[in-house]
Amino acid sequence: MNIGFAQFEIQGHRGCRGLMPENTIPAFLRAIDEGVETLELDVIISKDKKVVVSHEPQFNPEITTKPDGSFFVKMQDSNLHKLTYNEIKRYDVGLKGHSGYPEQQKMAVYKPLLTDVIKAVNVHLKTKGRSEIKYNIEIKSLEEEYGISQPKPKEFCDLVLKTIGKKIKPENLTIQSFDFNVLKYLNECALKSKTKPFDISVLLEPMENNEITYNIDKLGFKPDIWSPYFKVLKPEMVNELKEKHIKVIPWTVNTLDDMRKVKEMGCDGLITDYPNRAKSINL
């Protein structure tokens, strides 16, 4: 039985960043407790080719404590792609908290492997009487960072897809990215498959050209999901995407008022740091 926000899909952003340390196992388990249908998360690649759950390929000074108890000064002070996973997990990303999210619980926690997240989620689902959950996995990629803080798209995607393997059912898997080169390669992989292996979601920055036809032409294919910043959406854009049979799931919607507006506009769901606030949306 599918328990959660079936009518209107609520995705827990980085698990539930507003409540727990982002992109950590406790955040994903709490998101499940809040009833989300989909866990949204980000992945990067370590020096030893491990798929690590992290929003940046660096340690964020806002949330990171070094093994010696000190802090980073700026993001550029680290590069996770040059560290092994055993080195990465020595750094804490929960004790410091996050100044932008005062409700976030402080705790000792480190960046997990994607495989460990899936294992922990499966165990926790059983305690909730659920058999499965959806995943929306973002491949964190920037063209100017190829070979510096990340692999090139083919290697990056191949590592992620190999890690996922059969651990997540195709119908429960979405892969998203802001990097169109990543999305194009994922589409090539999907076309080679006998059955649809995953949905593809295009992420769009608010300062970029959000025009629909322009981006579809740039991609060279029609994505399954359109995921822009929620404030750029207009009803006519949602209607146009619906006509093209593309789902609309914007990011990152954190107030109840904005959640209601997004739903009333006709979107298929939303991504939020506060899935606990979204509970009333489907009542």
C-alpha atoms as a PDB file:
ATOM      1  CA  MET A   1       0.000   0.000   0.000  1.00  0.00           C
ATOM      2  CA  ASN A   2       1.291   3.448  -0.913  1.00  0.00           C
ATOM      3  CA  ILE A   3       1.134   5.621   2.169  1.00  0.00           C
ATOM      4  CA  GLY A   4       1.885   9.321   1.820  1.00  0.00           C
ATOM      5  CA  PHE A   5       0.909  12.256  -0.328  1.00  0.00           C
ATOM      6  CA  ALA A   6      -0.601  10.241  -3.177  1.00  0.00           C
ATOM      7  CA  GLN A   7      -2.793  13.023  -4.608  1.00  0.00           C
ATOM      8  CA  PHE A   8      -0.051  15.636  -4.745  1.00  0.00           C
ATOM      9  CA  GLU A   9       3.537  14.453  -4.502  1.00  0.00           C
ATOM     10  CA  ILE A  10       5.551  15.862  -1.620  1.00  0.00           C
ATOM     11  CA  GLN A  11       9.299  15.383  -1.949  1.00  0.00           C
ATOM     12  CA  GLY A  12      11.486  15.786   1.121  1.00  0.00           C
ATOM     13  CA  HIS A  13      14.327  18.122   0.076  1.00  0.00           C
ATOM     14  CA  ARG A  14      17.669  16.655   1.145  1.00  0.00           C
ATOM     15  CA  GLY A  15      15.502  14.478   3.373  1.00  0.00           C
ATOM     16  CA  CYS A  16      14.001  17.272   5.443  1.00  0.00           C
ATOM     17  CA  ARG A  17      16.587  20.031   5.722  1.00  0.00           C
ATOM     18  CA  GLY A  18      14.338  22.213   7.829  1.00  0.00           C
ATOM     19  CA  LEU A  19      14.151  19.572  10.560  1.00  0.00           C
ATOM     20  CA  MET A  20      17.297  17.431  10.425  1.00  0.00           C
ATOM     21  CA  PRO A  21      20.864  17.748   9.079  1.00  0.00           C
ATOM     22  CA  GLU A  22      20.584  17.737   5.298  1.00  0.00           C
ATOM     23  CA  ASN A  23      21.291  14.678   3.173  1.00  0.00           C
ATOM     24  CA  THR A  24      21.884  12.439   6.196  1.00  0.00           C
ATOM     25  CA  ILE A  25      20.274   9.162   7.147  1.00  0.00           C
ATOM     26  CA  PRO A  26      18.381  10.746  10.091  1.00  0.00           C
ATOM     27  CA  ALA A  27      16.921  13.307   7.668  1.00  0.00           C
ATOM     28  CA  PHE A  28      15.623  10.615   5.325  1.00  0.00           C
ATOM     29  CA  LEU A  29      14.141   8.554   8.132  1.00  0.00           C
ATOM     30  CA  ARG A  30      12.412  11.630   9.570  1.00  0.00           C
ATOM     31  CA  ALA A  31      11.027  12.445   6.110  1.00  0.00           C
ATOM     32  CA  ILE A  32       9.523   8.965   5.999  1.00  0.00           C
ATOM     33  CA  ASP A  33       8.005   9.576   9.429  1.00  0.00           C
ATOM     34  CA  GLU A  34       6.432  12.756   8.019  1.00  0.00           C
ATOM     35  CA  GLY A  35       4.811  10.670   5.270  1.00  0.00           C
ATOM     36  CA  VAL A  36       6.631  11.881   2.160  1.00  0.00           C
ATOM     37  CA  GLU A  37       6.173   9.961  -1.050  1.00  0.00           C
ATOM     38  CA  THR A  38       9.630  10.812  -2.408  1.00  0.00           C
ATOM     39  CA  LEU A  39      13.072  11.323  -0.898  1.00  0.00           C
ATOM     40  CA  GLU A  40      15.020  14.021  -2.744  1.00  0.00           C
ATOM     41  CA  LEU A  41      18.809  13.861  -2.391  1.00  0.00           C
ATOM     42  CA  ASP A  42      22.079  14.827  -4.067  1.00  0.00           C
ATOM     43  CA  VAL A  43      25.133  12.744  -4.935  1.00  0.00           C
ATOM     44  CA  ILE A  44      28.812  13.395  -5.609  1.00  0.00           C
ATOM     45  CA  ILE A  45      31.768  11.086  -6.276  1.00  0.00           C
ATOM     46  CA  SER A  46      34.680  10.537  -3.872  1.00  0.00           C
ATOM     47  CA  LYS A  47      38.301   9.881  -4.833  1.00  0.00           C
ATOM     48  CA  ASP A  48      37.740   6.131  -4.489  1.00  0.00           C
ATOM     49  CA  LYS A  49      34.694   6.264  -6.814  1.00  0.00           C
ATOM     50  CA  LYS A  50      32.092   5.962  -4.076  1.00  0.00           C
ATOM     51  CA  VAL A  51      28.670   7.598  -4.560  1.00  0.00           C
ATOM     52  CA  VAL A  52      28.354   9.927  -1.580  1.00  0.00           C
ATOM     53  CA  VAL A  53      25.162  11.758  -0.603  1.00  0.00           C
ATOM     54  CA  SER A  54      26.119  15.436  -0.503  1.00  0.00           C
ATOM     55  CA  HIS A  55      24.746  18.670  -1.939  1.00  0.00           C
ATOM     56  CA  GLU A  56      28.172  20.057  -2.805  1.00  0.00           C
ATOM     57  CA  PRO A  57      31.425  18.379  -3.847  1.00  0.00           C
ATOM     58  CA  GLN A  58      32.980  20.387  -1.004  1.00  0.00           C
ATOM     59  CA  PHE A  59      32.424  20.631   2.729  1.00  0.00           C
ATOM     60  CA  ASN A  60      29.951  23.436   3.354  1.00  0.00           C
ATOM     61  CA  PRO A  61      31.395  25.758   6.047  1.00  0.00           C
ATOM     62  CA  GLU A  62      27.840  26.494   7.199  1.00  0.00           C
ATOM     63  CA  ILE A  63      27.349  22.968   8.532  1.00  0.00           C
ATOM     64  CA  THR A  64      30.731  21.221   8.747  1.00  0.00           C
ATOM     65  CA  THR A  65      32.977  20.532  11.724  1.00  0.00           C
ATOM     66  CA  LYS A  66      36.496  19.243  11.040  1.00  0.00           C
ATOM     67  CA  PRO A  67      37.843  16.209  12.941  1.00  0.00           C
ATOM     68  CA  ASP A  68      39.869  18.604  15.145  1.00  0.00           C
ATOM     69  CA  GLY A  69      36.744  20.594  16.039  1.00  0.00           C
ATOM     70  CA  SER A  70      37.565  23.610  13.856  1.00  0.00           C
ATOM     71  CA  PHE A  71      35.545  24.993  10.923  1.00  0.00           C
ATOM     72  CA  PHE A  72      36.139  25.752   7.278  1.00  0.00           C
ATOM     73  CA  VAL A  73      36.317  29.398   6.238  1.00  0.00           C
ATOM     74  CA  LYS A  74      34.976  29.031   2.690  1.00  0.00           C
ATOM     75  CA  MET A  75      33.564  26.357   0.384  1.00  0.00           C
ATOM     76  CA  GLN A  76      36.698  26.253  -1.781  1.00  0.00           C
ATOM     77  CA  ASP A  77      38.755  25.020   1.170  1.00  0.00           C
ATOM     78  CA  SER A  78      37.851  21.413   0.364  1.00  0.00           C
ATOM     79  CA  ASN A  79      37.276  19.046  -2.566  1.00  0.00           C
ATOM     80  CA  LEU A  80      35.488  15.771  -1.780  1.00  0.00           C
ATOM     81  CA  HIS A  81      36.497  14.358  -5.164  1.00  0.00           C
ATOM     82  CA  LYS A  82      40.087  14.358  -3.870  1.00  0.00           C
ATOM     83  CA  LEU A  83      39.203  12.530  -0.637  1.00  0.00           C
ATOM     84  CA  THR A  84      38.402   8.864  -0.039  1.00  0.00           C
ATOM     85  CA  TYR A  85      35.078   8.087   1.583  1.00  0.00           C
ATOM     86  CA  ASN A  86      36.829   7.008   4.793  1.00  0.00           C
ATOM     87  CA  GLU A  87      38.357  10.489   4.917  1.00  0.00           C
ATOM     88  CA  ILE A  88      35.035  12.195   4.159  1.00  0.00           C
ATOM     89  CA  LYS A  89      33.144  10.440   6.953  1.00  0.00           C
ATOM     90  CA  ARG A  90      35.550  11.830   9.563  1.00  0.00           C
ATOM     91  CA  TYR A  91      33.903  15.247   9.134  1.00  0.00           C
ATOM     92  CA  ASP A  92      30.700  16.055  11.015  1.00  0.00           C
ATOM     93  CA  VAL A  93      27.804  17.781   9.219  1.00  0.00           C
ATOM     94  CA  GLY A  94      25.194  17.943  11.973  1.00  0.00           C
ATOM     95  CA  LEU A  95      26.642  19.227  15.238  1.00  0.00           C
ATOM     96  CA  LYS A  96      27.008  22.816  14.045  1.00  0.00           C
ATOM     97  CA  GLY A  97      23.439  23.073  12.805  1.00  0.00           C
ATOM     98  CA  HIS A  98      22.426  25.537  10.085  1.00  0.00           C
ATOM     99  CA  SER A  99      21.735  29.205  10.808  1.00  0.00           C
ATOM    100  CA  GLY A 100      19.121  29.335   8.061  1.00  0.00           C
ATOM    101  CA  TYR A 101      17.087  26.502   9.591  1.00  0.00           C
ATOM    102  CA  PRO A 102      16.561  27.148  13.320  1.00  0.00           C
ATOM    103  CA  GLU A 103      14.218  24.146  13.686  1.00  0.00           C
ATOM    104  CA  GLN A 104      16.919  21.765  12.474  1.00  0.00           C
ATOM    105  CA  GLN A 105      17.981  19.294  15.163  1.00  0.00           C
ATOM    106  CA  LYS A 106      21.697  19.317  15.947  1.00  0.00           C
ATOM    107  CA  MET A 107      23.389  15.913  16.135  1.00  0.00           C
ATOM    108  CA  ALA A 108      26.630  14.121  15.371  1.00  0.00           C
ATOM    109  CA  VAL A 109      26.318  12.752  11.834  1.00  0.00           C
ATOM    110  CA  TYR A 110      28.385  12.362   8.651  1.00  0.00           C
ATOM    111  CA  LYS A 111      27.746  12.247   4.906  1.00  0.00           C
ATOM    112  CA  PRO A 112      26.466   8.750   4.019  1.00  0.00           C
ATOM    113  CA  LEU A 113      26.994   6.535   1.009  1.00  0.00           C
ATOM    114  CA  LEU A 114      23.982   6.179  -1.274  1.00  0.00           C
ATOM    115  CA  THR A 115      24.002   2.414  -0.650  1.00  0.00           C
ATOM    116  CA  ASP A 116      23.822   2.972   3.106  1.00  0.00           C
ATOM    117  CA  VAL A 117      20.908   5.382   2.705  1.00  0.00           C
ATOM    118  CA  ILE A 118      18.951   2.819   0.701  1.00  0.00           C
ATOM    119  CA  LYS A 119      19.640   0.089   3.264  1.00  0.00           C
ATOM    120  CA  ALA A 120      18.607   2.274   6.222  1.00  0.00           C
ATOM    121  CA  VAL A 121      15.480   3.464   4.418  1.00  0.00           C
ATOM    122  CA  ASN A 122      14.390  -0.088   3.606  1.00  0.00           C
ATOM    123  CA  VAL A 123      14.713  -1.117   7.251  1.00  0.00           C
ATOM    124  CA  HIS A 124      12.816   1.965   8.441  1.00  0.00           C
ATOM    125  CA  LEU A 125      10.023   1.511   5.900  1.00  0.00           C
ATOM    126  CA  LYS A 126       9.235  -1.890   7.381  1.00  0.00           C
ATOM    127  CA  THR A 127       8.737  -0.328  10.818  1.00  0.00           C
ATOM    128  CA  LYS A 128       6.180   2.009   9.214  1.00  0.00           C
ATOM    129  CA  GLY A 129       4.298  -0.740   7.395  1.00  0.00           C
ATOM    130  CA  ARG A 130       5.516   0.508   4.029  1.00  0.00           C
ATOM    131  CA  SER A 131       7.201  -1.603   1.395  1.00  0.00           C
ATOM    132  CA  GLU A 132       8.731   1.103  -0.804  1.00  0.00           C
ATOM    133  CA  ILE A 133       9.323   4.795  -1.400  1.00  0.00           C
ATOM    134  CA  LYS A 134      10.329   6.914  -4.382  1.00  0.00           C
ATOM    135  CA  TYR A 135      13.730   8.512  -4.843  1.00  0.00           C
ATOM    136  CA  ASN A 136      14.620  11.686  -6.720  1.00  0.00           C
ATOM    137  CA  ILE A 137      18.410  11.661  -7.034  1.00  0.00           C
ATOM    138  CA  GLU A 138      20.211  14.762  -8.240  1.00  0.00           C
ATOM    139  CA  ILE A 139      23.540  14.370  -9.983  1.00  0.00           C
ATOM    140  CA  LYS A 140      25.445  17.462  -8.826  1.00  0.00           C
ATOM    141  CA  SER A 141      27.326  18.493 -11.924  1.00  0.00           C
ATOM    142  CA  LEU A 142      28.796  21.668 -13.384  1.00  0.00           C
ATOM    143  CA  GLU A 143      30.497  21.712 -16.773  1.00  0.00           C
ATOM    144  CA  GLU A 144      33.327  23.924 -15.509  1.00  0.00           C
ATOM    145  CA  GLU A 145      34.045  21.372 -12.747  1.00  0.00           C
ATOM    146  CA  TYR A 146      34.543  18.308 -14.980  1.00  0.00           C
ATOM    147  CA  GLY A 147      37.748  16.586 -13.875  1.00  0.00           C
ATOM    148  CA  ILE A 148      38.195  18.958 -10.933  1.00  0.00           C
ATOM    149  CA  SER A 149      35.544  18.277  -8.295  1.00  0.00           C
ATOM    150  CA  GLN A 150      33.669  15.614 -10.251  1.00  0.00           C
ATOM    151  CA  PRO A 151      33.979  13.093 -13.064  1.00  0.00           C
ATOM    152  CA  LYS A 152      32.719  13.855 -16.552  1.00  0.00           C
ATOM    153  CA  PRO A 153      28.994  13.050 -17.155  1.00  0.00           C
ATOM    154  CA  LYS A 154      29.406   9.525 -18.543  1.00  0.00           C
ATOM    155  CA  GLU A 155      31.584   8.284 -15.689  1.00  0.00           C
ATOM    156  CA  PHE A 156      29.482  10.135 -13.111  1.00  0.00           C
ATOM    157  CA  CYS A 157      26.190   8.701 -14.372  1.00  0.00           C
ATOM    158  CA  ASP A 158      27.600   5.203 -14.861  1.00  0.00           C
ATOM    159  CA  LEU A 159      28.852   5.132 -11.265  1.00  0.00           C
ATOM    160  CA  VAL A 160      25.474   6.263  -9.952  1.00  0.00           C
ATOM    161  CA  LEU A 161      23.484   3.830 -12.091  1.00  0.00           C
ATOM    162  CA  LYS A 162      25.789   0.929 -11.192  1.00  0.00           C
ATOM    163  CA  THR A 163      25.447   1.774  -7.489  1.00  0.00           C
ATOM    164  CA  ILE A 164      21.660   1.885  -7.722  1.00  0.00           C
ATOM    165  CA  GLY A 165      21.528  -1.344  -9.728  1.00  0.00           C
ATOM    166  CA  LYS A 166      18.310  -3.110  -8.806  1.00  0.00           C
ATOM    167  CA  LYS A 167      18.122  -1.585  -5.325  1.00  0.00           C
ATOM    168  CA  ILE A 168      15.414   0.882  -6.456  1.00  0.00           C
ATOM    169  CA  LYS A 169      12.556  -0.147  -8.738  1.00  0.00           C
ATOM    170  CA  PRO A 170      12.498   1.775 -12.044  1.00  0.00           C
ATOM    171  CA  GLU A 171       9.024   3.133 -11.351  1.00  0.00           C
ATOM    172  CA  ASN A 172      10.304   4.582  -8.057  1.00  0.00           C
ATOM    173  CA  LEU A 173      13.392   6.289  -9.475  1.00  0.00           C
ATOM    174  CA  THR A 174      13.846   9.796 -10.856  1.00  0.00           C
ATOM    175  CA  ILE A 175      17.256  11.212 -11.728  1.00  0.00           C
ATOM    176  CA  GLN A 176      17.576  14.974 -12.030  1.00  0.00           C
ATOM    177  CA  SER A 177      20.268  17.512 -12.819  1.00  0.00           C
ATOM    178  CA  PHE A 178      20.883  21.123 -13.782  1.00  0.00           C
ATOM    179  CA  ASP A 179      23.579  19.876 -16.176  1.00  0.00           C
ATOM    180  CA  PHE A 180      22.066  19.242 -19.612  1.00  0.00           C
ATOM    181  CA  ASN A 181      25.059  17.077 -20.601  1.00  0.00           C
ATOM    182  CA  VAL A 182      24.171  14.740 -17.739  1.00  0.00           C
ATOM    183  CA  LEU A 183      20.513  14.668 -18.772  1.00  0.00           C
ATOM    184  CA  LYS A 184      21.394  13.959 -22.400  1.00  0.00           C
ATOM    185  CA  TYR A 185      23.578  11.019 -21.396  1.00  0.00           C
ATOM    186  CA  LEU A 186      20.863   9.680 -19.079  1.00  0.00           C
ATOM    187  CA  ASN A 187      18.404   9.867 -21.965  1.00  0.00           C
ATOM    188  CA  GLU A 188      20.817   7.870 -24.151  1.00  0.00           C
ATOM    189  CA  CYS A 189      20.997   5.221 -21.417  1.00  0.00           C
ATOM    190  CA  ALA A 190      17.211   5.142 -21.136  1.00  0.00           C
ATOM    191  CA  LEU A 191      16.765   4.745 -24.889  1.00  0.00           C
ATOM    192  CA  LYS A 192      19.070   1.713 -24.873  1.00  0.00           C
ATOM    193  CA  SER A 193      17.000  -0.003 -22.195  1.00  0.00           C
ATOM    194  CA  LYS A 194      14.188  -2.404 -23.127  1.00  0.00           C
ATOM    195  CA  THR A 195      12.039  -1.007 -20.330  1.00  0.00           C
ATOM    196  CA  LYS A 196      11.950   2.509 -18.892  1.00  0.00           C
ATOM    197  CA  PRO A 197      14.735   2.477 -16.238  1.00  0.00           C
ATOM    198  CA  PHE A 198      13.937   5.817 -14.548  1.00  0.00           C
ATOM    199  CA  ASP A 199      12.268   9.179 -15.039  1.00  0.00           C
ATOM    200  CA  ILE A 200      14.389  12.162 -16.028  1.00  0.00           C
ATOM    201  CA  SER A 201      13.801  15.541 -14.410  1.00  0.00           C
ATOM    202  CA  VAL A 202      15.279  18.796 -15.682  1.00  0.00           C
ATOM    203  CA  LEU A 203      16.260  21.286 -12.991  1.00  0.00           C
ATOM    204  CA  LEU A 204      16.306  24.963 -13.935  1.00  0.00           C
ATOM    205  CA  GLU A 205      17.926  27.895 -12.182  1.00  0.00           C
ATOM    206  CA  PRO A 206      15.707  30.991 -11.769  1.00  0.00           C
ATOM    207  CA  MET A 207      18.217  33.318 -13.438  1.00  0.00           C
ATOM    208  CA  GLU A 208      18.427  31.163 -16.561  1.00  0.00           C
ATOM    209  CA  ASN A 209      16.059  31.068 -19.539  1.00  0.00           C
ATOM    210  CA  ASN A 210      13.053  29.118 -18.229  1.00  0.00           C
ATOM    211  CA  GLU A 211      11.180  29.142 -21.547  1.00  0.00           C
ATOM    212  CA  ILE A 212       9.830  25.661 -22.203  1.00  0.00           C
ATOM    213  CA  THR A 213      10.421  25.192 -25.936  1.00  0.00           C
ATOM    214  CA  TYR A 214      13.905  26.684 -25.684  1.00  0.00           C
ATOM    215  CA  ASN A 215      14.959  24.178 -23.016  1.00  0.00           C
ATOM    216  CA  ILE A 216      13.373  21.159 -24.689  1.00  0.00           C
ATOM    217  CA  ASP A 217      15.178  22.073 -27.925  1.00  0.00           C
ATOM    218  CA  LYS A 218      18.423  22.512 -25.984  1.00  0.00           C
ATOM    219  CA  LEU A 219      17.966  19.109 -24.336  1.00  0.00           C
ATOM    220  CA  GLY A 220      17.022  17.380 -27.569  1.00  0.00           C
ATOM    221  CA  PHE A 221      14.267  15.361 -25.875  1.00  0.00           C
ATOM    222  CA  LYS A 222      11.195  15.822 -23.721  1.00  0.00           C
ATOM    223  CA  PRO A 223      11.907  15.175 -20.022  1.00  0.00           C
ATOM    224  CA  ASP A 224       9.437  13.399 -17.776  1.00  0.00           C
ATOM    225  CA  ILE A 225       9.490  16.119 -15.124  1.00  0.00           C
ATOM    226  CA  TRP A 226      10.020  19.894 -15.173  1.00  0.00           C
ATOM    227  CA  SER A 227      11.548  21.182 -11.950  1.00  0.00           C
ATOM    228  CA  PRO A 228      12.088  24.967 -11.814  1.00  0.00           C
ATOM    229  CA  TYR A 229      12.329  27.353  -8.894  1.00  0.00           C
ATOM    230  CA  PHE A 230       8.721  27.733  -7.788  1.00  0.00           C
ATOM    231  CA  LYS A 231       8.656  31.535  -8.053  1.00  0.00           C
ATOM    232  CA  VAL A 232       9.228  31.515 -11.825  1.00  0.00           C
ATOM    233  CA  LEU A 233       6.140  29.361 -12.452  1.00  0.00           C
ATOM    234  CA  LYS A 234       3.015  30.849 -13.974  1.00  0.00           C
ATOM    235  CA  PRO A 235      -0.320  29.086 -14.674  1.00  0.00           C
ATOM    236  CA  GLU A 236       0.231  29.300 -18.436  1.00  0.00           C
ATOM    237  CA  MET A 237       3.602  27.549 -18.070  1.00  0.00           C
ATOM    238  CA  VAL A 238       2.023  24.740 -16.056  1.00  0.00           C
ATOM    239  CA  ASN A 239      -0.752  24.383 -18.650  1.00  0.00           C
ATOM    240  CA  GLU A 240       1.776  24.219 -21.499  1.00  0.00           C
ATOM    241  CA  LEU A 241       3.771  21.520 -19.717  1.00  0.00           C
ATOM    242  CA  LYS A 242       0.589  19.558 -18.989  1.00  0.00           C
ATOM    243  CA  GLU A 243      -0.284  19.672 -22.696  1.00  0.00           C
ATOM    244  CA  LYS A 244       3.139  18.179 -23.400  1.00  0.00           C
ATOM    245  CA  HIS A 245       2.500  15.470 -20.743  1.00  0.00           C
ATOM    246  CA  ILE A 246       5.390  16.676 -18.598  1.00  0.00           C
ATOM    247  CA  LYS A 247       4.936  16.646 -14.825  1.00  0.00           C
ATOM    248  CA  VAL A 248       5.675  19.868 -12.935  1.00  0.00           C
ATOM    249  CA  ILE A 249       7.409  19.574  -9.545  1.00  0.00           C
ATOM    250  CA  PRO A 250       9.064  22.869  -8.475  1.00  0.00           C
ATOM    251  CA  TRP A 251      11.670  23.524  -5.780  1.00  0.00           C
ATOM    252  CA  THR A 252      12.021  24.543  -2.901  1.00  0.00           C
ATOM    253  CA  VAL A 253       8.592  25.443  -1.462  1.00  0.00           C
ATOM    254  CA  ASN A 254       8.657  26.019   2.290  1.00  0.00           C
ATOM    255  CA  THR A 255       5.636  28.067   3.409  1.00  0.00           C
ATOM    256  CA  LEU A 256       2.081  26.769   3.558  1.00  0.00           C
ATOM    257  CA  ASP A 257       0.848  29.731   1.533  1.00  0.00           C
ATOM    258  CA  ASP A 258       3.312  29.002  -1.285  1.00  0.00           C
ATOM    259  CA  MET A 259       2.529  25.284  -1.122  1.00  0.00           C
ATOM    260  CA  ARG A 260      -1.164  25.991  -1.635  1.00  0.00           C
ATOM    261  CA  LYS A 261      -0.430  28.359  -4.539  1.00  0.00           C
ATOM    262  CA  VAL A 262       1.734  25.738  -6.247  1.00  0.00           C
ATOM    263  CA  LYS A 263      -0.951  23.095  -5.881  1.00  0.00           C
ATOM    264  CA  GLU A 264      -3.736  25.422  -7.048  1.00  0.00           C
ATOM    265  CA  MET A 265      -1.642  26.290 -10.105  1.00  0.00           C
ATOM    266  CA  GLY A 266      -1.933  22.664 -11.186  1.00  0.00           C
ATOM    267  CA  CYS A 267       1.545  21.359 -10.341  1.00  0.00           C
ATOM    268  CA  ASP A 268       1.954  17.633  -9.724  1.00  0.00           C
ATOM    269  CA  GLY A 269       3.887  18.092  -6.499  1.00  0.00           C
ATOM    270  CA  LEU A 270       6.615  20.095  -4.829  1.00  0.00           C
ATOM    271  CA  ILE A 271      10.000  19.773  -3.159  1.00  0.00           C
ATOM    272  CA  THR A 272      10.215  21.128   0.392  1.00  0.00           C
ATOM    273  CA  ASP A 273      12.562  21.388   3.363  1.00  0.00           C
ATOM    274  CA  TYR A 274       9.518  21.083   5.634  1.00  0.00           C
ATOM    275  CA  PRO A 275       7.415  18.013   4.781  1.00  0.00           C
ATOM    276  CA  ASN A 276       5.798  18.370   8.202  1.00  0.00           C
ATOM    277  CA  ARG A 277       4.224  21.642   7.034  1.00  0.00           C
ATOM    278  CA  ALA A 278       2.950  20.015   3.855  1.00  0.00           C
ATOM    279  CA  LYS A 279       0.791  17.471   5.661  1.00  0.00           C
ATOM    280  CA  SER A 280      -2.293  19.656   5.458  1.00  0.00           C
ATOM    281  CA  ILE A 281      -2.004  20.180   1.696  1.00  0.00           C
ATOM    282  CA  ASN A 282      -3.718  16.895   0.855  1.00  0.00           C
ATOM    283  CA  LEU A 283      -6.295  16.900   3.642  1.00  0.00           C
END
